Amino acid sequence: MTSISVDPSNDQLSRAADYRARGYWDDGFLTDYVDRWAEEDPDHPYLSDGTSRLSYGEFRQQARSLAASLRGLGVRPGDRVAVQLPNWNEYFLVYAACSSLAAVMIPVVGVYRESEVRYIVESSGAVGLVTPGAFRGFDHAAMAADVGRAVPSLAFRVVVRGEATQGAVSFADLVAAPVEDGWDPGRRASADDPHLILFSSGTEARPKACLHTWSTSSFLPKQAVAALGMGRDDVMFMPAPVTHALGMTLGVMAPTIAGAAVELIDVFEPTAALEQITRGGCTGTASPAPFIRLLLDAYDPAVHDMSRLRFWLSAGAPIPKTLVEEAAATIPGCRVVSAYGSSEVMMATVCRPGDSVDRVASSDGAPVDGVELRIVDQDENEAAVGVEGEIRYRGPGRILEYLGRPDLTAAALDADGWWRTGDLGRMDDEGYLRVTGRLKDIIIRGGFNISAREVEEALLEHPAVANVAVVGLPDERLGERACAVVVPRGDQRVTLAELRTFLADKRKIATWKVPERIEFVDGFPLTATGKVQKFALRDRYRGVADGGTS
C-alpha cells in the first residue's frame, strides 16, 4: 500500500515552526500520553463501556498486542485502517494500535451503510476495515464482507464482538495474542505525519476526506483540557459517537491527554445515561444539543446524581436560551457551553464555563487561543461587526488537505491562506461568533450533516419521482428533519414508507439520512437561472402540518 504523500511545502505545514514556537504544536504523540499515564499509575481507570473496564496499564498492554497483530496482518506506516465501531473500548484500542504503527485511522460513522462505507474504503485506499459483528439489529460483518468483495484492495476485515466468518479475523484473537517484551512497533510517527482521516458529510454528493496530523487534530483537545481544567480526577461521559469529530475530539483525545477516565455509552437512552453518570461520578460531557433536552426530561434528583458534572459542551445546533437556563437551574454546578467546529477545523470557537447564560444562548463562543476568524462579505471584504458573511478560519487545527482532491483544497483556500468554511455567521464587538446559516446545502439532524444533493440523486432513481428537492425543516428535538418535496412522474404517487424503503434497501442510504416527511408539488419555485428556491420551500412548509403521504 502506498503511503499518503504530503508536500512539505503544504501551507499548513509551512506554519509548523511558528505553531511550535507559540506552544500550539509539539513533538508529543498519542502513545506518549498513554505510556505516561500507564507508568505513573497503571491501575488508574481509563475506559468503561458498560461491558468491560480497562485501566491505563491494561489498555497499554492490550493496545501493544493489537498493534503487533495488525503488523502481522501487514499494516505498515502510512497504511489506512477504516474503523466503524460504536462507543466501545475496542475503538480506543484500534486507535492506539494504529498510532503506534504510524498508520492512519479512518473513523466511519456507525449509521453508514454499504454505499457510504464502500466509498470511504475505496477512495481512501484503506487496507483494513474493523466493524462490529452486529449492532442495533444490523449485520455489519456481512456488510463488510460485501465491501471486501467489491474492493479488492481491502486486505483484511476484523470483527469485534461477533463471529469472524467469510475470511474475517476476530478482534478478540488479535488482542489476546502474546507480544514479546520490548517489542518494537517500528518507525515512530511524527506529529506532522498523516494521522487521521475524517470524512465530512458536507454539501458534496460524496463525503470529503479531511486529512489531519496528530498536531492538527490534537490542537483543540489540548486547548480544551486547559480551558476546562481537565485532570486525572475527571470522568468524561461520552454519548456522542466517537467516530464523529465531536466525540473524537472531546471523548477520545482530550481525556487521554489529561489522563482522565471515560464512561462510554453506545446507544443513547436518557435513563441509562443518567444511571451511568451517577455510577461513574462523571464530571463533564459533550454532545449535540438535543441530548440535553432528553436528559433533563428524564432526570430524577431522588434517583440520579449529577452533582459532580462541571461542564456540558454542545455543538452542532444552536442551544435555546430556555434550555441553557433550565440546565443551570437543574444542575447548579454545571455549565452548558456552546461551540462551533467541523471535520476540517475540529473546533474553532467555544464559550467558557464563566460565560453568562445569555452569552451561551446567543453565540457559538469565541475563537480558542491560536485561532483566527474573520467574516467576509460577497465581495471578499471583511464584514462589519454584526453583519453576516462567510466564516473564514486560520489556525493550528485545520486539516492539511482534502485527500485526493487538490481541486477542492485549492478552492477552499483564499488568496491569503484563510480557509473558506462555507458557513455563514456574524461576529459581535467582543469577538463572539454566531453561526447563522450555511452556504453549503446541508441539513443538520441531531448534530449530523445530511447532504441534500446525495439524497436527491438517490430519490431521482425512483420511477415515480420526476423531480425532487430535499430541505431541512425545524424540529424541536433534533434541530432539523429532512423533507422531500416531490414532483411526481405523471399521475404516479409514492408513499413516504415506499421512498424510505427504496432509499434504505435499494440505494443503501443510511437510515438517518432518509427523509421523514414528503410533500407533493406540481413544480418548484425557481430563480431566474432555473435553480430551485429552497428557501421558499422551507418557508412554505415550516410550521405547516405534514401534508404528505405516509
Protein backbone atom coordinates (compact mmCIF):
# COMPACT_ATOMS: atom_id res chain seq x y z
CA MET A 1 0.00 0.00 0.00
CA THR A 2 1.34 3.41 -0.96
CA SER A 3 1.69 5.86 1.92
CA ILE A 4 -0.02 9.21 1.81
CA SER A 5 2.35 11.75 0.36
CA VAL A 6 2.04 15.30 1.65
CA ASP A 7 4.04 18.08 0.09
CA PRO A 8 6.29 19.54 2.85
CA SER A 9 5.51 22.98 1.41
CA ASN A 10 1.82 22.45 2.26
CA ASP A 11 0.53 25.78 3.52
CA GLN A 12 -0.46 24.33 6.90
CA LEU A 13 2.86 22.53 7.47
CA SER A 14 4.72 25.68 6.42
CA ARG A 15 3.47 27.28 9.65
CA ALA A 16 4.68 24.39 11.83
CA ALA A 17 7.70 26.25 13.22
CA ASP A 18 5.52 29.19 14.23
CA TYR A 19 2.89 26.94 15.82
CA ARG A 20 5.57 25.13 17.80
CA ALA A 21 7.20 28.35 18.91
CA ARG A 22 3.83 29.54 20.22
CA GLY A 23 3.22 26.25 22.02
CA TYR A 24 0.27 25.07 19.90
CA TRP A 25 2.11 22.10 18.41
CA ASP A 26 4.80 19.92 19.94
CA ASP A 27 6.53 16.64 19.16
CA GLY A 28 4.50 14.54 21.57
CA PHE A 29 2.16 11.83 20.33
CA LEU A 30 -0.92 9.88 21.42
CA THR A 31 1.03 6.86 22.62
CA ASP A 32 3.29 9.12 24.69
CA TYR A 33 0.29 10.12 26.80
CA VAL A 34 -0.85 6.51 27.19
CA ASP A 35 2.66 5.47 28.25
CA ARG A 36 2.96 8.36 30.68
CA TRP A 37 -0.28 7.63 32.50
CA ALA A 38 0.30 3.86 32.49
CA GLU A 39 3.74 4.35 34.02
CA GLU A 40 2.51 6.86 36.59
CA ASP A 41 -0.40 4.71 37.81
CA PRO A 42 -1.18 1.56 35.80
CA ASP A 43 -4.32 0.88 37.87
CA HIS A 44 -5.90 4.27 37.24
CA PRO A 45 -9.29 3.81 35.49
CA TYR A 46 -9.33 4.71 31.82
CA LEU A 47 -12.31 3.20 29.95
CA SER A 48 -15.70 1.74 30.78
CA ASP A 49 -18.35 0.98 28.16
CA GLY A 50 -20.85 -0.92 30.29
CA THR A 51 -19.40 -4.25 29.17
CA SER A 52 -15.79 -4.07 30.27
CA ARG A 53 -13.38 -1.81 32.11
CA LEU A 54 -9.76 -1.04 31.34
CA SER A 55 -7.15 0.69 33.46
CA TYR A 56 -4.38 2.63 31.75
CA GLY A 57 -1.97 -0.27 32.35
CA GLU A 58 -4.37 -2.87 30.94
CA PHE A 59 -5.14 -0.66 27.99
CA ARG A 60 -1.48 -0.19 27.11
CA GLN A 61 -0.84 -3.94 27.19
CA GLN A 62 -3.84 -4.76 25.01
CA ALA A 63 -3.01 -1.94 22.57
CA ARG A 64 0.50 -3.34 22.18
CA SER A 65 -0.84 -6.84 21.49
CA LEU A 66 -3.27 -5.46 18.94
CA ALA A 67 -0.55 -3.41 17.27
CA ALA A 68 1.67 -6.50 16.94
CA SER A 69 -1.24 -8.46 15.45
CA LEU A 70 -2.09 -5.69 12.98
CA ARG A 71 1.54 -5.56 11.95
CA GLY A 72 1.32 -9.30 11.38
CA LEU A 73 -1.64 -8.64 9.08
CA GLY A 74 0.59 -6.35 7.04
CA VAL A 75 -0.17 -2.88 8.40
CA ARG A 76 2.78 -0.57 7.78
CA PRO A 77 3.46 3.16 8.33
CA GLY A 78 1.11 5.28 6.25
CA ASP A 79 -1.43 2.49 5.69
CA ARG A 80 -5.06 3.33 6.30
CA VAL A 81 -7.43 1.36 8.54
CA ALA A 82 -11.16 2.17 8.49
CA VAL A 83 -12.96 1.70 11.80
CA GLN A 84 -16.74 1.59 12.15
CA LEU A 85 -17.42 0.85 15.81
CA PRO A 86 -19.88 2.12 18.41
CA ASN A 87 -18.71 3.81 21.61
CA TRP A 88 -16.84 0.73 22.78
CA ASN A 89 -13.45 0.28 24.44
CA GLU A 90 -12.24 -1.53 21.32
CA TYR A 91 -12.40 1.69 19.31
CA PHE A 92 -9.77 3.27 21.56
CA LEU A 93 -7.59 0.17 21.28
CA VAL A 94 -7.66 0.25 17.47
CA TYR A 95 -6.82 3.95 17.52
CA ALA A 96 -3.84 3.46 19.84
CA ALA A 97 -2.60 0.45 17.86
CA CYS A 98 -2.78 2.33 14.56
CA SER A 99 -0.99 5.30 16.13
CA SER A 100 1.86 3.15 17.43
CA LEU A 101 2.30 1.67 13.93
CA ALA A 102 2.28 5.13 12.31
CA ALA A 103 -0.84 4.00 10.44
CA VAL A 104 -3.72 6.34 9.63
CA MET A 105 -7.09 5.64 11.22
CA ILE A 106 -10.33 6.45 9.41
CA PRO A 107 -13.33 6.71 11.76
CA VAL A 108 -16.53 5.67 9.98
CA VAL A 109 -19.86 6.88 11.36
CA GLY A 110 -21.81 3.94 12.74
CA VAL A 111 -25.03 4.65 10.86
CA TYR A 112 -23.33 4.49 7.47
CA ARG A 113 -24.28 1.52 5.31
CA GLU A 114 -22.72 -0.26 2.35
CA SER A 115 -22.89 2.65 -0.10
CA GLU A 116 -21.04 5.06 2.19
CA VAL A 117 -18.63 2.51 3.70
CA ARG A 118 -17.61 1.15 0.32
CA TYR A 119 -16.93 4.66 -0.95
CA ILE A 120 -14.82 5.54 2.10
CA VAL A 121 -12.77 2.33 1.93
CA GLU A 122 -12.23 2.55 -1.82
CA SER A 123 -11.45 6.26 -2.06
CA SER A 124 -9.08 6.27 0.91
CA GLY A 125 -7.22 3.13 -0.12
CA ALA A 126 -7.85 1.50 3.26
CA VAL A 127 -6.14 -1.86 3.76
CA GLY A 128 -8.31 -2.85 6.73
CA LEU A 129 -11.90 -2.48 7.90
CA VAL A 130 -12.93 -3.00 11.53
CA THR A 131 -16.63 -3.41 12.31
CA PRO A 132 -18.90 -4.97 14.91
CA GLY A 133 -20.44 -8.34 14.18
CA ALA A 134 -23.93 -6.89 14.53
CA PHE A 135 -25.17 -3.75 16.23
CA ARG A 136 -28.70 -2.44 16.74
CA GLY A 137 -30.14 -5.14 14.51
CA PHE A 138 -27.80 -4.52 11.56
CA ASP A 139 -25.26 -7.10 10.37
CA HIS A 140 -22.10 -5.02 9.96
CA ALA A 141 -19.91 -8.08 9.40
CA ALA A 142 -21.99 -9.16 6.41
CA MET A 143 -21.87 -5.62 5.03
CA ALA A 144 -18.09 -5.55 5.48
CA ALA A 145 -17.82 -8.84 3.58
CA ASP A 146 -19.79 -7.30 0.71
CA VAL A 147 -17.47 -4.29 0.76
CA GLY A 148 -14.47 -6.61 0.73
CA ARG A 149 -15.74 -8.43 -2.35
CA ALA A 150 -16.33 -5.10 -4.10
CA VAL A 151 -12.98 -3.54 -3.14
CA PRO A 152 -10.09 -5.95 -3.88
CA SER A 153 -7.51 -3.64 -2.28
CA LEU A 154 -9.07 -4.25 1.15
CA ALA A 155 -6.57 -6.72 2.60
CA PHE A 156 -8.33 -7.71 5.83
CA ARG A 157 -11.51 -7.34 7.86
CA VAL A 158 -11.75 -7.50 11.66
CA VAL A 159 -14.95 -8.38 13.50
CA VAL A 160 -15.47 -7.01 17.02
CA ARG A 161 -17.90 -8.80 19.38
CA GLY A 162 -19.10 -11.17 16.71
CA GLU A 163 -18.30 -14.30 14.78
CA ALA A 164 -15.45 -13.95 12.30
CA THR A 165 -16.69 -15.56 9.09
CA GLN A 166 -16.22 -15.09 5.35
CA GLY A 167 -12.50 -14.54 5.70
CA ALA A 168 -12.63 -12.02 8.56
CA VAL A 169 -10.44 -12.22 11.66
CA SER A 170 -11.55 -11.98 15.28
CA PHE A 171 -10.66 -8.87 17.26
CA ALA A 172 -10.59 -10.96 20.45
CA ASP A 173 -7.92 -13.21 18.94
CA LEU A 174 -5.84 -10.25 17.78
CA VAL A 175 -5.85 -8.52 21.16
CA ALA A 176 -5.17 -11.76 23.06
CA ALA A 177 -2.07 -12.63 21.04
CA PRO A 178 1.10 -12.61 23.16
CA VAL A 179 3.64 -9.89 22.50
CA GLU A 180 7.29 -10.18 23.37
CA ASP A 181 8.81 -7.89 25.99
CA GLY A 182 10.47 -4.97 24.29
CA TRP A 183 8.51 -5.46 21.08
CA ASP A 184 9.28 -2.62 18.70
CA PRO A 185 6.37 -1.35 16.58
CA GLY A 186 8.82 0.10 14.04
CA ARG A 187 9.21 3.67 12.83
CA ARG A 188 7.83 6.19 15.28
CA ALA A 189 5.33 8.51 13.70
CA SER A 190 5.98 12.21 13.54
CA ALA A 191 3.36 14.53 14.97
CA ASP A 192 3.20 16.04 11.47
CA ASP A 193 2.63 12.74 9.66
CA PRO A 194 -0.84 11.86 8.36
CA HIS A 195 -2.68 10.56 11.40
CA LEU A 196 -6.44 10.72 10.97
CA ILE A 197 -8.92 10.98 8.11
CA LEU A 198 -12.36 12.32 8.99
CA PHE A 199 -14.92 12.08 6.23
CA SER A 200 -17.04 15.21 6.14
CA SER A 201 -20.71 14.88 5.26
CA GLY A 202 -20.93 18.35 3.76
CA THR A 203 -22.57 19.52 0.56
CA GLU A 204 -20.90 17.18 -1.90
CA ALA A 205 -22.77 14.13 -3.18
CA ARG A 206 -19.95 12.13 -1.62
CA PRO A 207 -18.15 12.97 1.65
CA LYS A 208 -14.72 14.60 1.54
CA ALA A 209 -11.68 13.03 3.18
CA CYS A 210 -10.27 15.52 5.71
CA LEU A 211 -6.60 14.68 6.32
CA HIS A 212 -5.31 15.55 9.79
CA THR A 213 -1.97 15.08 11.50
CA TRP A 214 -1.65 14.46 15.23
CA SER A 215 -0.62 18.12 15.51
CA THR A 216 -3.74 19.47 13.80
CA SER A 217 -6.22 17.05 15.38
CA SER A 218 -4.85 17.34 18.93
CA PHE A 219 -4.62 21.13 18.96
CA LEU A 220 -8.19 21.66 20.11
CA PRO A 221 -8.23 18.82 22.69
CA LYS A 222 -5.13 20.33 24.29
CA GLN A 223 -6.85 23.71 24.40
CA ALA A 224 -9.98 22.10 25.86
CA VAL A 225 -8.02 20.37 28.62
CA ALA A 226 -6.58 23.71 29.70
CA ALA A 227 -9.78 25.73 29.30
CA LEU A 228 -11.97 23.21 31.12
CA GLY A 229 -9.39 22.37 33.76
CA MET A 230 -9.44 18.66 32.94
CA GLY A 231 -7.17 16.41 35.01
CA ARG A 232 -6.69 12.88 36.29
CA ASP A 233 -9.67 13.07 38.63
CA ASP A 234 -12.08 13.85 35.82
CA VAL A 235 -14.50 11.33 34.34
CA MET A 236 -15.79 12.19 30.86
CA PHE A 237 -19.22 10.85 29.92
CA MET A 238 -19.37 10.33 26.15
CA PRO A 239 -22.74 9.83 24.44
CA ALA A 240 -21.68 11.47 21.15
CA PRO A 241 -20.31 8.96 18.61
CA VAL A 242 -16.53 8.70 18.93
CA THR A 243 -16.32 8.31 15.14
CA HIS A 244 -17.69 11.86 14.80
CA ALA A 245 -15.45 14.94 15.15
CA LEU A 246 -17.07 16.00 18.44
CA GLY A 247 -16.73 12.58 20.06
CA MET A 248 -13.22 12.06 18.71
CA THR A 249 -12.06 15.42 19.99
CA LEU A 250 -13.73 15.60 23.42
CA GLY A 251 -14.38 11.92 24.09
CA VAL A 252 -11.12 10.32 22.95
CA MET A 253 -8.27 12.79 22.64
CA ALA A 254 -8.94 15.28 25.44
CA PRO A 255 -9.43 12.70 28.24
CA THR A 256 -6.36 10.75 27.09
CA ILE A 257 -4.23 13.89 27.06
CA ALA A 258 -5.50 14.73 30.57
CA GLY A 259 -5.10 11.19 31.89
CA ALA A 260 -8.79 11.17 32.80
CA ALA A 261 -11.33 8.34 32.72
CA VAL A 262 -14.06 7.90 30.12
CA GLU A 263 -17.55 6.46 30.55
CA LEU A 264 -18.87 5.39 27.13
CA ILE A 265 -22.46 4.70 26.13
CA ASP A 266 -23.13 3.07 22.76
CA VAL A 267 -26.87 3.74 22.46
CA PHE A 268 -28.13 6.96 24.00
CA GLU A 269 -31.11 6.30 26.22
CA PRO A 270 -31.73 9.09 28.77
CA THR A 271 -32.41 6.95 31.85
CA ALA A 272 -29.45 4.66 31.16
CA ALA A 273 -27.27 7.73 30.56
CA LEU A 274 -28.28 9.26 33.89
CA GLU A 275 -27.58 6.00 35.68
CA GLN A 276 -24.12 5.85 34.11
CA ILE A 277 -23.35 9.46 35.01
CA THR A 278 -24.41 8.70 38.60
CA ARG A 279 -22.49 5.42 38.82
CA GLY A 280 -19.35 6.79 37.21
CA GLY A 281 -19.28 10.12 39.05
CA CYS A 282 -18.92 11.89 35.72
CA THR A 283 -17.56 15.43 35.73
CA GLY A 284 -18.01 16.50 32.11
CA THR A 285 -19.65 15.59 28.83
CA ALA A 286 -20.06 16.71 25.22
CA SER A 287 -22.98 16.05 22.91
CA PRO A 288 -25.33 17.55 20.32
CA ALA A 289 -27.89 19.90 21.86
CA PRO A 290 -30.89 17.52 21.59
CA PHE A 291 -29.29 15.18 24.14
CA ILE A 292 -29.53 17.90 26.80
CA ARG A 293 -33.30 18.15 26.43
CA LEU A 294 -33.72 14.38 26.65
CA LEU A 295 -31.54 14.09 29.73
CA LEU A 296 -33.25 16.91 31.60
CA ASP A 297 -36.66 15.40 30.86
CA ALA A 298 -35.60 12.06 32.36
CA TYR A 299 -33.71 13.48 35.35
CA ASP A 300 -35.00 12.50 38.80
CA PRO A 301 -33.00 14.11 41.65
CA ALA A 302 -34.17 11.39 44.03
CA VAL A 303 -32.54 8.73 41.85
CA HIS A 304 -29.82 10.40 39.81
CA ASP A 305 -26.72 12.25 40.96
CA MET A 306 -25.19 14.80 38.60
CA SER A 307 -23.55 16.82 41.36
CA ARG A 308 -20.02 16.24 40.03
CA LEU A 309 -20.89 17.40 36.49
CA ARG A 310 -18.98 20.65 35.83
CA PHE A 311 -19.44 21.27 32.12
CA TRP A 312 -21.56 20.15 29.19
CA LEU A 313 -20.15 21.16 25.83
CA SER A 314 -22.63 21.22 22.98
CA ALA A 315 -22.10 21.75 19.26
CA GLY A 316 -23.94 21.11 16.01
CA ALA A 317 -27.00 23.30 16.51
CA PRO A 318 -27.96 26.49 18.41
CA ILE A 319 -28.94 25.99 22.05
CA PRO A 320 -32.21 27.68 23.09
CA LYS A 321 -31.80 30.13 25.97
CA THR A 322 -34.55 28.39 27.93
CA LEU A 323 -32.62 25.12 27.73
CA VAL A 324 -29.40 26.72 29.00
CA GLU A 325 -31.33 28.31 31.86
CA GLU A 326 -33.09 25.07 32.73
CA ALA A 327 -29.81 23.14 32.72
CA ALA A 328 -28.20 25.74 35.02
CA ALA A 329 -31.14 25.51 37.44
CA THR A 330 -31.32 21.71 37.36
CA ILE A 331 -27.57 21.06 37.66
CA PRO A 332 -26.29 24.07 39.65
CA GLY A 333 -22.61 23.12 39.44
CA CYS A 334 -22.65 22.51 35.70
CA ARG A 335 -22.44 25.00 32.85
CA VAL A 336 -23.61 24.36 29.32
CA VAL A 337 -21.10 25.78 26.85
CA SER A 338 -21.70 26.12 23.11
CA ALA A 339 -19.11 25.64 20.38
CA TYR A 340 -18.62 25.70 16.62
CA GLY A 341 -16.43 23.47 14.50
CA SER A 342 -16.26 20.99 11.64
CA SER A 343 -14.28 18.00 10.41
CA GLU A 344 -11.97 20.45 8.63
CA VAL A 345 -11.08 22.66 11.62
CA MET A 346 -12.23 20.45 14.53
CA MET A 347 -13.39 23.23 16.85
CA ALA A 348 -12.92 26.90 16.13
CA THR A 349 -14.90 28.67 18.85
CA VAL A 350 -16.24 27.82 22.29
CA CYS A 351 -17.95 29.51 25.20
CA ARG A 352 -16.17 29.23 28.53
CA PRO A 353 -17.72 27.94 31.77
CA GLY A 354 -17.61 31.52 33.12
CA ASP A 355 -19.68 32.95 30.27
CA SER A 356 -23.21 34.08 31.09
CA VAL A 357 -26.34 32.17 30.16
CA ASP A 358 -27.20 34.92 27.68
CA ARG A 359 -23.79 34.63 26.08
CA VAL A 360 -24.03 30.84 25.70
CA ALA A 361 -27.53 31.06 24.24
CA SER A 362 -26.79 33.93 21.85
CA SER A 363 -23.43 32.84 20.44
CA ASP A 364 -21.31 29.86 19.47
CA GLY A 365 -18.37 31.10 21.50
CA ALA A 366 -15.18 32.99 20.84
CA PRO A 367 -12.11 31.66 18.99
CA VAL A 368 -9.88 29.39 21.05
CA ASP A 369 -6.34 30.59 21.65
CA GLY A 370 -4.35 30.46 18.41
CA VAL A 371 -7.37 30.53 16.08
CA GLU A 372 -8.11 33.50 13.81
CA LEU A 373 -11.60 34.04 12.40
CA ARG A 374 -12.91 36.64 10.01
CA ILE A 375 -16.28 37.28 8.40
CA VAL A 376 -16.16 38.04 4.66
CA ASP A 377 -18.92 39.52 2.50
CA GLN A 378 -19.73 38.59 -1.09
CA ASP A 379 -17.09 41.00 -2.37
CA GLU A 380 -14.35 39.31 -0.28
CA ASN A 381 -14.20 42.31 2.04
CA GLU A 382 -14.18 41.93 5.79
CA ALA A 383 -17.72 42.39 7.08
CA ALA A 384 -18.52 44.94 9.74
CA VAL A 385 -19.33 43.90 13.30
CA GLY A 386 -22.77 42.29 13.40
CA VAL A 387 -23.01 41.86 9.63
CA GLU A 388 -23.48 38.38 8.20
CA GLY A 389 -20.89 36.84 5.88
CA GLU A 390 -18.89 33.69 5.26
CA ILE A 391 -16.76 32.44 8.15
CA ARG A 392 -13.06 32.13 7.27
CA TYR A 393 -10.59 30.24 9.50
CA ARG A 394 -6.85 30.24 10.02
CA GLY A 395 -5.14 28.31 12.79
CA PRO A 396 -3.34 25.20 14.06
CA GLY A 397 -6.40 22.90 13.97
CA ARG A 398 -7.07 22.99 10.24
CA ILE A 399 -6.65 19.94 8.01
CA LEU A 400 -3.73 19.64 5.63
CA GLU A 401 -5.90 18.88 2.63
CA TYR A 402 -8.86 17.00 1.20
CA LEU A 403 -7.18 13.69 0.42
CA GLY A 404 -7.11 13.01 -3.31
CA ARG A 405 -8.90 16.25 -4.15
CA PRO A 406 -6.35 19.03 -4.68
CA ASP A 407 -9.04 20.91 -6.59
CA LEU A 408 -11.28 21.08 -3.51
CA THR A 409 -8.35 22.02 -1.28
CA ALA A 410 -7.36 24.86 -3.59
CA ALA A 411 -10.95 26.08 -3.82
CA ALA A 412 -11.25 26.13 -0.03
CA LEU A 413 -8.24 28.41 0.44
CA ASP A 414 -8.43 32.10 -0.36
CA ALA A 415 -5.52 34.20 -1.60
CA ASP A 416 -4.36 34.99 1.94
CA GLY A 417 -4.42 31.43 3.24
CA TRP A 418 -7.78 31.61 5.02
CA TRP A 419 -9.98 28.51 4.90
CA ARG A 420 -13.44 29.03 3.42
CA THR A 421 -15.75 27.21 5.82
CA GLY A 422 -18.85 27.61 3.66
CA ASP A 423 -20.77 28.62 6.80
CA LEU A 424 -22.41 31.97 7.41
CA GLY A 425 -22.08 33.94 10.61
CA ARG A 426 -21.59 37.29 12.26
CA MET A 427 -19.17 38.49 14.91
CA ASP A 428 -20.08 40.80 17.75
CA ASP A 429 -17.92 43.59 19.17
CA GLU A 430 -16.46 41.25 21.82
CA GLY A 431 -15.30 38.68 19.28
CA TYR A 432 -18.05 36.11 19.84
CA LEU A 433 -19.35 34.27 16.79
CA ARG A 434 -22.93 33.41 15.90
CA VAL A 435 -23.39 30.89 13.10
CA THR A 436 -26.44 31.99 11.12
CA GLY A 437 -26.67 29.64 8.16
CA ARG A 438 -24.83 27.70 5.51
CA LEU A 439 -23.61 28.31 2.03
CA LYS A 440 -23.48 24.54 1.84
CA ASP A 441 -26.74 22.81 1.15
CA ILE A 442 -26.84 20.56 4.19
CA ILE A 443 -29.38 19.57 6.79
CA ILE A 444 -28.20 19.12 10.38
CA ARG A 445 -30.20 16.37 12.07
CA GLY A 446 -29.21 15.72 15.68
CA GLY A 447 -25.72 17.11 15.08
CA PHE A 448 -25.10 15.04 11.91
CA ASN A 449 -24.90 16.54 8.43
CA ILE A 450 -27.11 15.25 5.62
CA SER A 451 -26.18 16.14 2.04
CA ALA A 452 -29.43 17.14 0.35
CA ARG A 453 -27.85 16.53 -3.03
CA GLU A 454 -26.90 12.95 -2.19
CA VAL A 455 -30.45 12.10 -1.10
CA GLU A 456 -31.96 13.91 -4.09
CA GLU A 457 -29.80 11.98 -6.57
CA ALA A 458 -30.85 8.71 -4.97
CA LEU A 459 -34.55 9.64 -4.99
CA LEU A 460 -34.43 10.61 -8.67
CA GLU A 461 -33.75 6.95 -9.45
CA HIS A 462 -37.24 6.05 -8.21
CA PRO A 463 -39.59 5.57 -11.20
CA ALA A 464 -42.39 7.62 -9.59
CA VAL A 465 -40.19 10.69 -8.97
CA ALA A 466 -39.81 13.23 -11.78
CA ASN A 467 -38.00 15.83 -9.68
CA VAL A 468 -37.25 16.34 -6.02
CA ALA A 469 -35.81 18.89 -3.61
CA VAL A 470 -34.79 17.86 -0.10
CA VAL A 471 -34.92 20.61 2.53
CA GLY A 472 -34.49 20.78 6.28
CA LEU A 473 -37.47 21.75 8.43
CA PRO A 474 -37.14 22.81 12.08
CA ASP A 475 -37.53 20.10 14.71
CA GLU A 476 -37.61 20.81 18.44
CA ARG A 477 -35.76 17.64 19.39
CA LEU A 478 -33.28 17.08 16.55
CA GLY A 479 -32.79 20.60 15.23
CA GLU A 480 -33.85 19.70 11.69
CA ARG A 481 -35.56 16.86 9.84
CA ALA A 482 -35.36 16.15 6.12
CA CYS A 483 -38.43 16.76 3.98
CA ALA A 484 -38.60 15.52 0.38
CA VAL A 485 -40.62 17.84 -1.87
CA VAL A 486 -41.52 15.66 -4.84
CA VAL A 487 -42.74 16.43 -8.34
CA PRO A 488 -44.40 13.13 -9.29
CA ARG A 489 -43.94 11.44 -12.65
CA GLY A 490 -47.31 11.70 -14.39
CA ASP A 491 -50.13 10.63 -12.10
CA GLN A 492 -47.96 8.28 -10.08
CA ARG A 493 -47.88 8.66 -6.32
CA VAL A 494 -45.44 7.13 -3.89
CA THR A 495 -45.80 6.92 -0.13
CA LEU A 496 -43.21 8.06 2.38
CA ALA A 497 -42.84 4.47 3.55
CA GLU A 498 -42.12 3.32 -0.01
CA LEU A 499 -39.50 6.03 -0.51
CA ARG A 500 -37.83 5.21 2.80
CA THR A 501 -37.69 1.51 1.89
CA PHE A 502 -36.30 2.35 -1.55
CA LEU A 503 -33.50 4.50 -0.09
CA ALA A 504 -32.58 2.12 2.71
CA ASP A 505 -32.87 -1.23 0.90
CA LYS A 506 -32.23 -0.42 -2.75
CA ARG A 507 -29.86 2.55 -2.56
CA LYS A 508 -28.45 1.51 0.84
CA ILE A 509 -28.54 5.06 2.20
CA ALA A 510 -28.00 5.42 5.96
CA THR A 511 -31.33 5.45 7.81
CA TRP A 512 -30.74 8.81 9.47
CA LYS A 513 -30.39 10.48 6.05
CA VAL A 514 -33.76 9.20 4.81
CA PRO A 515 -36.45 11.95 4.65
CA GLU A 516 -39.06 11.81 7.39
CA ARG A 517 -41.65 13.84 5.53
CA ILE A 518 -42.91 14.05 1.95
CA GLU A 519 -44.81 16.79 0.15
CA PHE A 520 -46.11 16.71 -3.44
CA VAL A 521 -46.00 19.73 -5.77
CA ASP A 522 -46.64 20.36 -9.45
CA GLY A 523 -43.42 22.34 -9.77
CA PHE A 524 -40.77 24.25 -7.87
CA PRO A 525 -40.27 27.98 -7.35
CA LEU A 526 -37.21 28.83 -9.45
CA THR A 527 -34.65 31.59 -9.68
CA ALA A 528 -34.06 33.46 -12.91
CA THR A 529 -31.32 30.97 -13.74
CA GLY A 530 -33.54 27.96 -13.12
CA LYS A 531 -32.31 26.95 -9.67
CA VAL A 532 -34.79 25.71 -7.08
CA GLN A 533 -35.54 28.34 -4.43
CA LYS A 534 -35.16 26.05 -1.45
CA PHE A 535 -35.66 28.90 0.97
CA ALA A 536 -39.16 29.31 -0.47
CA LEU A 537 -39.88 25.61 0.10
CA ARG A 538 -38.61 25.81 3.67
CA ASP A 539 -40.79 28.87 4.29
CA ARG A 540 -43.81 27.15 2.73
CA TYR A 541 -43.66 24.04 4.91
CA ARG A 542 -42.15 25.42 8.11
CA GLY A 543 -44.80 25.18 10.81
CA VAL A 544 -47.29 23.54 8.44
CA ALA A 545 -48.79 20.19 9.38
CA ASP A 546 -47.42 17.26 7.40
CA GLY A 547 -49.50 17.00 4.28
CA GLY A 548 -47.55 14.15 2.75
CA THR A 549 -48.48 10.54 2.33
CA SER A 550 -47.11 8.15 4.91
